Amino acid sequence: MGAYLYHLMKVSALADCKIAFLVDGNLAKQGRKVFGYEIKPPESLYNFEGTVIIAAMLYSKEIKAKIEAIGNSKIEVIDMY
């Protein structure tokens, strides 16, 4: 979880949203909690239904492409950057 997420959680309405979990491809971060939300692997999105918010300054386009490649039509992707 990067600095941009921390910034958004403090200065935007993101903290007021109904967040199910966070996703990070970094194995070292998976299973931990940030802001009380569990960090899960990208594979957790295969059966997810809802909105995915990309809160990454770096690689946001690549992250969006990977999410769209999953082929889950029940995911709406919003890129905050």
PDB file of N, CA and C in Angstrom:
ATOM      1  N   MET A   1       0.849  -1.151   0.000  1.00  0.00           N
ATOM      2  CA  MET A   1       0.000   0.000   0.000  1.00  0.00           C
ATOM      3  C   MET A   1       0.898   1.219   0.000  1.00  0.00           C
ATOM      4  N   GLY A   2       0.602   2.126  -0.917  1.00  0.00           N
ATOM      5  CA  GLY A   2       1.482   3.262  -1.108  1.00  0.00           C
ATOM      6  C   GLY A   2       0.994   4.542  -0.471  1.00  0.00           C
ATOM      7  N   ALA A   3       1.815   5.551  -0.643  1.00  0.00           N
ATOM      8  CA  ALA A   3       1.543   6.857  -0.053  1.00  0.00           C
ATOM      9  C   ALA A   3       0.261   7.478  -0.600  1.00  0.00           C
ATOM     10  N   TYR A   4      -0.044   7.205  -1.860  1.00  0.00           N
ATOM     11  CA  TYR A   4      -1.253   7.794  -2.452  1.00  0.00           C
ATOM     12  C   TYR A   4      -2.517   7.276  -1.769  1.00  0.00           C
ATOM     13  N   LEU A   5      -2.550   5.990  -1.437  1.00  0.00           N
ATOM     14  CA  LEU A   5      -3.702   5.444  -0.710  1.00  0.00           C
ATOM     15  C   LEU A   5      -3.832   6.110   0.655  1.00  0.00           C
ATOM     16  N   TYR A   6      -2.726   6.243   1.363  1.00  0.00           N
ATOM     17  CA  TYR A   6      -2.763   6.900   2.667  1.00  0.00           C
ATOM     18  C   TYR A   6      -3.295   8.320   2.540  1.00  0.00           C
ATOM     19  N   HIS A   7      -2.850   9.031   1.524  1.00  0.00           N
ATOM     20  CA  HIS A   7      -3.310  10.392   1.283  1.00  0.00           C
ATOM     21  C   HIS A   7      -4.822  10.413   1.022  1.00  0.00           C
ATOM     22  N   LEU A   8      -5.288   9.542   0.135  1.00  0.00           N
ATOM     23  CA  LEU A   8      -6.723   9.507  -0.187  1.00  0.00           C
ATOM     24  C   LEU A   8      -7.580   9.170   1.028  1.00  0.00           C
ATOM     25  N   MET A   9      -7.111   8.272   1.854  1.00  0.00           N
ATOM     26  CA  MET A   9      -7.882   7.885   3.040  1.00  0.00           C
ATOM     27  C   MET A   9      -8.013   9.041   4.033  1.00  0.00           C
ATOM     28  N   LYS A  10      -7.060   9.965   3.987  1.00  0.00           N
ATOM     29  CA  LYS A  10      -7.087  11.085   4.926  1.00  0.00           C
ATOM     30  C   LYS A  10      -7.815  12.314   4.399  1.00  0.00           C
ATOM     31  N   VAL A  11      -7.772  12.559   3.076  1.00  0.00           N
ATOM     32  CA  VAL A  11      -8.293  13.827   2.564  1.00  0.00           C
ATOM     33  C   VAL A  11      -9.513  13.678   1.647  1.00  0.00           C
ATOM     34  N   SER A  12      -9.932  12.465   1.385  1.00  0.00           N
ATOM     35  CA  SER A  12     -11.085  12.286   0.496  1.00  0.00           C
ATOM     36  C   SER A  12     -12.183  11.491   1.205  1.00  0.00           C
ATOM     37  N   ALA A  13     -13.258  11.269   0.497  1.00  0.00           N
ATOM     38  CA  ALA A  13     -14.374  10.504   1.046  1.00  0.00           C
ATOM     39  C   ALA A  13     -14.138   8.993   0.939  1.00  0.00           C
ATOM     40  N   LEU A  14     -12.983   8.579   0.464  1.00  0.00           N
ATOM     41  CA  LEU A  14     -12.693   7.156   0.313  1.00  0.00           C
ATOM     42  C   LEU A  14     -12.852   6.406   1.634  1.00  0.00           C
ATOM     43  N   ALA A  15     -12.437   7.007   2.719  1.00  0.00           N
ATOM     44  CA  ALA A  15     -12.533   6.360   4.031  1.00  0.00           C
ATOM     45  C   ALA A  15     -13.986   6.118   4.434  1.00  0.00           C
ATOM     46  N   ASP A  16     -14.919   6.863   3.845  1.00  0.00           N
ATOM     47  CA  ASP A  16     -16.338   6.709   4.167  1.00  0.00           C
ATOM     48  C   ASP A  16     -17.038   5.672   3.295  1.00  0.00           C
ATOM     49  N   CYS A  17     -16.333   5.128   2.316  1.00  0.00           N
ATOM     50  CA  CYS A  17     -16.910   4.136   1.405  1.00  0.00           C
ATOM     51  C   CYS A  17     -16.975   2.771   2.071  1.00  0.00           C
ATOM     52  N   LYS A  18     -17.840   1.935   1.547  1.00  0.00           N
ATOM     53  CA  LYS A  18     -17.952   0.557   2.035  1.00  0.00           C
ATOM     54  C   LYS A  18     -16.870  -0.281   1.344  1.00  0.00           C
ATOM     55  N   ILE A  19     -15.726  -0.390   1.979  1.00  0.00           N
ATOM     56  CA  ILE A  19     -14.580  -1.098   1.409  1.00  0.00           C
ATOM     57  C   ILE A  19     -14.605  -2.536   1.898  1.00  0.00           C
ATOM     58  N   ALA A  20     -14.602  -3.485   0.958  1.00  0.00           N
ATOM     59  CA  ALA A  20     -14.620  -4.905   1.320  1.00  0.00           C
ATOM     60  C   ALA A  20     -13.220  -5.382   1.705  1.00  0.00           C
ATOM     61  N   PHE A  21     -12.218  -4.986   0.921  1.00  0.00           N
ATOM     62  CA  PHE A  21     -10.841  -5.381   1.165  1.00  0.00           C
ATOM     63  C   PHE A  21      -9.932  -4.589   0.240  1.00  0.00           C
ATOM     64  N   LEU A  22      -8.641  -4.682   0.455  1.00  0.00           N
ATOM     65  CA  LEU A  22      -7.638  -4.059  -0.398  1.00  0.00           C
ATOM     66  C   LEU A  22      -6.928  -5.152  -1.185  1.00  0.00           C
ATOM     67  N   VAL A  23      -6.380  -4.805  -2.332  1.00  0.00           N
ATOM     68  CA  VAL A  23      -5.682  -5.776  -3.176  1.00  0.00           C
ATOM     69  C   VAL A  23      -4.286  -5.275  -3.469  1.00  0.00           C
ATOM     70  N   ASP A  24      -3.315  -6.186  -3.354  1.00  0.00           N
ATOM     71  CA  ASP A  24      -1.940  -5.855  -3.712  1.00  0.00           C
ATOM     72  C   ASP A  24      -1.269  -7.115  -4.224  1.00  0.00           C
ATOM     73  N   GLY A  25      -0.515  -6.994  -5.301  1.00  0.00           N
ATOM     74  CA  GLY A  25       0.188  -8.118  -5.882  1.00  0.00           C
ATOM     75  C   GLY A  25       1.444  -8.513  -5.117  1.00  0.00           C
ATOM     76  N   ASN A  26       1.856  -7.702  -4.172  1.00  0.00           N
ATOM     77  CA  ASN A  26       3.053  -7.968  -3.379  1.00  0.00           C
ATOM     78  C   ASN A  26       2.735  -9.015  -2.310  1.00  0.00           C
ATOM     79  N   LEU A  27       3.348 -10.197  -2.434  1.00  0.00           N
ATOM     80  CA  LEU A  27       3.092 -11.288  -1.483  1.00  0.00           C
ATOM     81  C   LEU A  27       3.383 -10.894  -0.042  1.00  0.00           C
ATOM     82  N   ALA A  28       4.362 -10.032   0.175  1.00  0.00           N
ATOM     83  CA  ALA A  28       4.735  -9.621   1.527  1.00  0.00           C
ATOM     84  C   ALA A  28       3.633  -8.812   2.209  1.00  0.00           C
ATOM     85  N   LYS A  29       2.776  -8.174   1.429  1.00  0.00           N
ATOM     86  CA  LYS A  29       1.706  -7.353   1.989  1.00  0.00           C
ATOM     87  C   LYS A  29       0.403  -8.130   2.183  1.00  0.00           C
ATOM     88  N   GLN A  30       0.223  -9.195   1.420  1.00  0.00           N
ATOM     89  CA  GLN A  30      -1.019  -9.968   1.468  1.00  0.00           C
ATOM     90  C   GLN A  30      -1.198 -10.612   2.842  1.00  0.00           C
ATOM     91  N   GLY A  31      -2.436 -10.555   3.339  1.00  0.00           N
ATOM     92  CA  GLY A  31      -2.753 -11.103   4.654  1.00  0.00           C
ATOM     93  C   GLY A  31      -2.643 -10.087   5.775  1.00  0.00           C
ATOM     94  N   ARG A  32      -1.972  -8.998   5.527  1.00  0.00           N
ATOM     95  CA  ARG A  32      -1.860  -7.927   6.523  1.00  0.00           C
ATOM     96  C   ARG A  32      -3.107  -7.045   6.457  1.00  0.00           C
ATOM     97  N   LYS A  33      -3.193  -6.102   7.384  1.00  0.00           N
ATOM     98  CA  LYS A  33      -4.301  -5.155   7.382  1.00  0.00           C
ATOM     99  C   LYS A  33      -3.767  -3.731   7.332  1.00  0.00           C
ATOM    100  N   VAL A  34      -4.478  -2.890   6.589  1.00  0.00           N
ATOM    101  CA  VAL A  34      -4.191  -1.467   6.507  1.00  0.00           C
ATOM    102  C   VAL A  34      -5.517  -0.750   6.713  1.00  0.00           C
ATOM    103  N   PHE A  35      -5.542   0.208   7.614  1.00  0.00           N
ATOM    104  CA  PHE A  35      -6.779   0.924   7.946  1.00  0.00           C
ATOM    105  C   PHE A  35      -7.878  -0.059   8.362  1.00  0.00           C
ATOM    106  N   GLY A  36      -7.499  -1.222   8.863  1.00  0.00           N
ATOM    107  CA  GLY A  36      -8.472  -2.229   9.298  1.00  0.00           C
ATOM    108  C   GLY A  36      -8.977  -3.131   8.185  1.00  0.00           C
ATOM    109  N   TYR A  37      -8.477  -2.963   6.964  1.00  0.00           N
ATOM    110  CA  TYR A  37      -8.916  -3.765   5.814  1.00  0.00           C
ATOM    111  C   TYR A  37      -7.837  -4.780   5.445  1.00  0.00           C
ATOM    112  N   GLU A  38      -8.261  -6.016   5.219  1.00  0.00           N
ATOM    113  CA  GLU A  38      -7.323  -7.063   4.829  1.00  0.00           C
ATOM    114  C   GLU A  38      -6.814  -6.825   3.412  1.00  0.00           C
ATOM    115  N   ILE A  39      -5.539  -7.107   3.211  1.00  0.00           N
ATOM    116  CA  ILE A  39      -4.934  -7.014   1.887  1.00  0.00           C
ATOM    117  C   ILE A  39      -4.961  -8.412   1.277  1.00  0.00           C
ATOM    118  N   LYS A  40      -5.621  -8.524   0.133  1.00  0.00           N
ATOM    119  CA  LYS A  40      -5.768  -9.810  -0.541  1.00  0.00           C
ATOM    120  C   LYS A  40      -5.024  -9.813  -1.868  1.00  0.00           C
ATOM    121  N   PRO A  41      -4.777 -11.010  -2.411  1.00  0.00           N
ATOM    122  CA  PRO A  41      -4.109 -11.101  -3.714  1.00  0.00           C
ATOM    123  C   PRO A  41      -5.067 -10.738  -4.847  1.00  0.00           C
ATOM    124  N   PRO A  42      -4.533 -10.358  -6.009  1.00  0.00           N
ATOM    125  CA  PRO A  42      -5.386 -10.002  -7.150  1.00  0.00           C
ATOM    126  C   PRO A  42      -6.375 -11.106  -7.544  1.00  0.00           C
ATOM    127  N   GLU A  43      -6.025 -12.367  -7.285  1.00  0.00           N
ATOM    128  CA  GLU A  43      -6.910 -13.473  -7.637  1.00  0.00           C
ATOM    129  C   GLU A  43      -8.248 -13.403  -6.912  1.00  0.00           C
ATOM    130  N   SER A  44      -8.313 -12.652  -5.828  1.00  0.00           N
ATOM    131  CA  SER A  44      -9.567 -12.519  -5.082  1.00  0.00           C
ATOM    132  C   SER A  44     -10.627 -11.766  -5.882  1.00  0.00           C
ATOM    133  N   LEU A  45     -10.228 -11.148  -6.985  1.00  0.00           N
ATOM    134  CA  LEU A  45     -11.168 -10.388  -7.814  1.00  0.00           C
ATOM    135  C   LEU A  45     -11.923 -11.257  -8.823  1.00  0.00           C
ATOM    136  N   TYR A  46     -11.525 -12.505  -8.986  1.00  0.00           N
ATOM    137  CA  TYR A  46     -12.183 -13.372  -9.972  1.00  0.00           C
ATOM    138  C   TYR A  46     -13.679 -13.514  -9.710  1.00  0.00           C
ATOM    139  N   ASN A  47     -14.076 -13.609  -8.457  1.00  0.00           N
ATOM    140  CA  ASN A  47     -15.490 -13.780  -8.113  1.00  0.00           C
ATOM    141  C   ASN A  47     -16.080 -12.560  -7.423  1.00  0.00           C
ATOM    142  N   PHE A  48     -15.365 -11.455  -7.452  1.00  0.00           N
ATOM    143  CA  PHE A  48     -15.816 -10.235  -6.777  1.00  0.00           C
ATOM    144  C   PHE A  48     -16.901  -9.545  -7.587  1.00  0.00           C
ATOM    145  N   GLU A  49     -17.878  -8.997  -6.882  1.00  0.00           N
ATOM    146  CA  GLU A  49     -18.917  -8.182  -7.515  1.00  0.00           C
ATOM    147  C   GLU A  49     -18.894  -6.811  -6.862  1.00  0.00           C
ATOM    148  N   GLY A  50     -18.636  -5.774  -7.655  1.00  0.00           N
ATOM    149  CA  GLY A  50     -18.626  -4.428  -7.111  1.00  0.00           C
ATOM    150  C   GLY A  50     -17.642  -3.536  -7.832  1.00  0.00           C
ATOM    151  N   THR A  51     -17.291  -2.462  -7.154  1.00  0.00           N
ATOM    152  CA  THR A  51     -16.397  -1.463  -7.728  1.00  0.00           C
ATOM    153  C   THR A  51     -14.989  -1.650  -7.197  1.00  0.00           C
ATOM    154  N   VAL A  52     -14.025  -1.588  -8.091  1.00  0.00           N
ATOM    155  CA  VAL A  52     -12.618  -1.630  -7.726  1.00  0.00           C
ATOM    156  C   VAL A  52     -12.045  -0.241  -7.971  1.00  0.00           C
ATOM    157  N   ILE A  53     -11.471   0.333  -6.932  1.00  0.00           N
ATOM    158  CA  ILE A  53     -10.862   1.649  -7.047  1.00  0.00           C
ATOM    159  C   ILE A  53      -9.354   1.467  -7.052  1.00  0.00           C
ATOM    160  N   ILE A  54      -8.712   1.950  -8.098  1.00  0.00           N
ATOM    161  CA  ILE A  54      -7.257   1.876  -8.189  1.00  0.00           C
ATOM    162  C   ILE A  54      -6.691   3.150  -7.566  1.00  0.00           C
ATOM    163  N   ALA A  55      -5.996   2.975  -6.449  1.00  0.00           N
ATOM    164  CA  ALA A  55      -5.399   4.105  -5.738  1.00  0.00           C
ATOM    165  C   ALA A  55      -3.886   3.959  -5.786  1.00  0.00           C
ATOM    166  N   ALA A  56      -3.352   4.006  -6.999  1.00  0.00           N
ATOM    167  CA  ALA A  56      -1.910   3.850  -7.191  1.00  0.00           C
ATOM    168  C   ALA A  56      -1.419   4.943  -8.124  1.00  0.00           C
ATOM    169  N   MET A  57      -0.372   5.612  -7.708  1.00  0.00           N
ATOM    170  CA  MET A  57       0.204   6.638  -8.572  1.00  0.00           C
ATOM    171  C   MET A  57       1.015   5.999  -9.695  1.00  0.00           C
ATOM    172  N   LEU A  58       1.712   4.938  -9.374  1.00  0.00           N
ATOM    173  CA  LEU A  58       2.538   4.239 -10.354  1.00  0.00           C
ATOM    174  C   LEU A  58       1.791   3.018 -10.881  1.00  0.00           C
ATOM    175  N   TYR A  59       1.932   2.755 -12.137  1.00  0.00           N
ATOM    176  CA  TYR A  59       1.408   1.543 -12.768  1.00  0.00           C
ATOM    177  C   TYR A  59      -0.113   1.430 -12.767  1.00  0.00           C
ATOM    178  N   SER A  60      -0.839   2.530 -12.628  1.00  0.00           N
ATOM    179  CA  SER A  60      -2.300   2.441 -12.577  1.00  0.00           C
ATOM    180  C   SER A  60      -2.880   1.876 -13.872  1.00  0.00           C
ATOM    181  N   LYS A  61      -2.294   2.231 -15.010  1.00  0.00           N
ATOM    182  CA  LYS A  61      -2.787   1.695 -16.285  1.00  0.00           C
ATOM    183  C   LYS A  61      -2.558   0.192 -16.374  1.00  0.00           C
ATOM    184  N   GLU A  62      -1.388  -0.255 -15.908  1.00  0.00           N
ATOM    185  CA  GLU A  62      -1.085  -1.680 -15.922  1.00  0.00           C
ATOM    186  C   GLU A  62      -2.008  -2.449 -14.976  1.00  0.00           C
ATOM    187  N   ILE A  63      -2.277  -1.869 -13.816  1.00  0.00           N
ATOM    188  CA  ILE A  63      -3.176  -2.505 -12.846  1.00  0.00           C
ATOM    189  C   ILE A  63      -4.574  -2.621 -13.435  1.00  0.00           C
ATOM    190  N   LYS A  64      -5.047  -1.548 -14.068  1.00  0.00           N
ATOM    191  CA  LYS A  64      -6.376  -1.572 -14.682  1.00  0.00           C
ATOM    192  C   LYS A  64      -6.447  -2.644 -15.773  1.00  0.00           C
ATOM    193  N   ALA A  65      -5.414  -2.749 -16.587  1.00  0.00           N
ATOM    194  CA  ALA A  65      -5.393  -3.752 -17.653  1.00  0.00           C
ATOM    195  C   ALA A  65      -5.436  -5.169 -17.082  1.00  0.00           C
ATOM    196  N   LYS A  66      -4.726  -5.407 -15.984  1.00  0.00           N
ATOM    197  CA  LYS A  66      -4.736  -6.731 -15.356  1.00  0.00           C
ATOM    198  C   LYS A  66      -6.108  -7.062 -14.796  1.00  0.00           C
ATOM    199  N   ILE A  67      -6.763  -6.074 -14.198  1.00  0.00           N
ATOM    200  CA  ILE A  67      -8.107  -6.295 -13.656  1.00  0.00           C
ATOM    201  C   ILE A  67      -9.078  -6.596 -14.792  1.00  0.00           C
ATOM    202  N   GLU A  68      -9.011  -5.827 -15.858  1.00  0.00           N
ATOM    203  CA  GLU A  68      -9.906  -6.049 -16.999  1.00  0.00           C
ATOM    204  C   GLU A  68      -9.634  -7.393 -17.666  1.00  0.00           C
ATOM    205  N   ALA A  69      -8.377  -7.854 -17.634  1.00  0.00           N
ATOM    206  CA  ALA A  69      -8.023  -9.145 -18.233  1.00  0.00           C
ATOM    207  C   ALA A  69      -8.634 -10.321 -17.470  1.00  0.00           C
ATOM    208  N   ILE A  70      -9.021 -10.097 -16.236  1.00  0.00           N
ATOM    209  CA  ILE A  70      -9.677 -11.151 -15.455  1.00  0.00           C
ATOM    210  C   ILE A  70     -10.968 -11.578 -16.144  1.00  0.00           C
ATOM    211  N   GLY A  71     -11.622 -10.617 -16.802  1.00  0.00           N
ATOM    212  CA  GLY A  71     -12.847 -10.928 -17.533  1.00  0.00           C
ATOM    213  C   GLY A  71     -14.084 -11.012 -16.663  1.00  0.00           C
ATOM    214  N   ASN A  72     -14.038 -10.422 -15.494  1.00  0.00           N
ATOM    215  CA  ASN A  72     -15.200 -10.412 -14.598  1.00  0.00           C
ATOM    216  C   ASN A  72     -16.064  -9.207 -14.933  1.00  0.00           C
ATOM    217  N   SER A  73     -17.201  -9.443 -15.568  1.00  0.00           N
ATOM    218  CA  SER A  73     -18.083  -8.353 -15.992  1.00  0.00           C
ATOM    219  C   SER A  73     -18.826  -7.703 -14.826  1.00  0.00           C
ATOM    220  N   LYS A  74     -18.684  -8.237 -13.627  1.00  0.00           N
ATOM    221  CA  LYS A  74     -19.371  -7.674 -12.458  1.00  0.00           C
ATOM    222  C   LYS A  74     -18.488  -6.697 -11.692  1.00  0.00           C
ATOM    223  N   ILE A  75     -17.338  -6.359 -12.287  1.00  0.00           N
ATOM    224  CA  ILE A  75     -16.429  -5.394 -11.676  1.00  0.00           C
ATOM    225  C   ILE A  75     -16.477  -4.086 -12.456  1.00  0.00           C
ATOM    226  N   GLU A  76     -16.650  -2.981 -11.730  1.00  0.00           N
ATOM    227  CA  GLU A  76     -16.508  -1.640 -12.309  1.00  0.00           C
ATOM    228  C   GLU A  76     -15.173  -1.116 -11.816  1.00  0.00           C
ATOM    229  N   VAL A  77     -14.345  -0.599 -12.702  1.00  0.00           N
ATOM    230  CA  VAL A  77     -13.014  -0.123 -12.330  1.00  0.00           C
ATOM    231  C   VAL A  77     -12.991   1.400 -12.386  1.00  0.00           C
ATOM    232  N   ILE A  78     -12.525   2.005 -11.299  1.00  0.00           N
ATOM    233  CA  ILE A  78     -12.335   3.451 -11.225  1.00  0.00           C
ATOM    234  C   ILE A  78     -10.876   3.702 -10.896  1.00  0.00           C
ATOM    235  N   ASP A  79     -10.203   4.465 -11.731  1.00  0.00           N
ATOM    236  CA  ASP A  79      -8.807   4.810 -11.523  1.00  0.00           C
ATOM    237  C   ASP A  79      -8.757   6.208 -10.905  1.00  0.00           C
ATOM    238  N   MET A  80      -8.292   6.295  -9.670  1.00  0.00           N
ATOM    239  CA  MET A  80      -8.260   7.570  -8.946  1.00  0.00           C
ATOM    240  C   MET A  80      -7.137   8.477  -9.422  1.00  0.00           C
ATOM    241  N   TYR A  81      -6.198   7.957 -10.168  1.00  0.00           N
ATOM    242  CA  TYR A  81      -5.071   8.760 -10.583  1.00  0.00           C
ATOM    243  C   TYR A  81      -5.178   9.006 -12.045  1.00  0.00           C
TER     244      TYR A  81
END
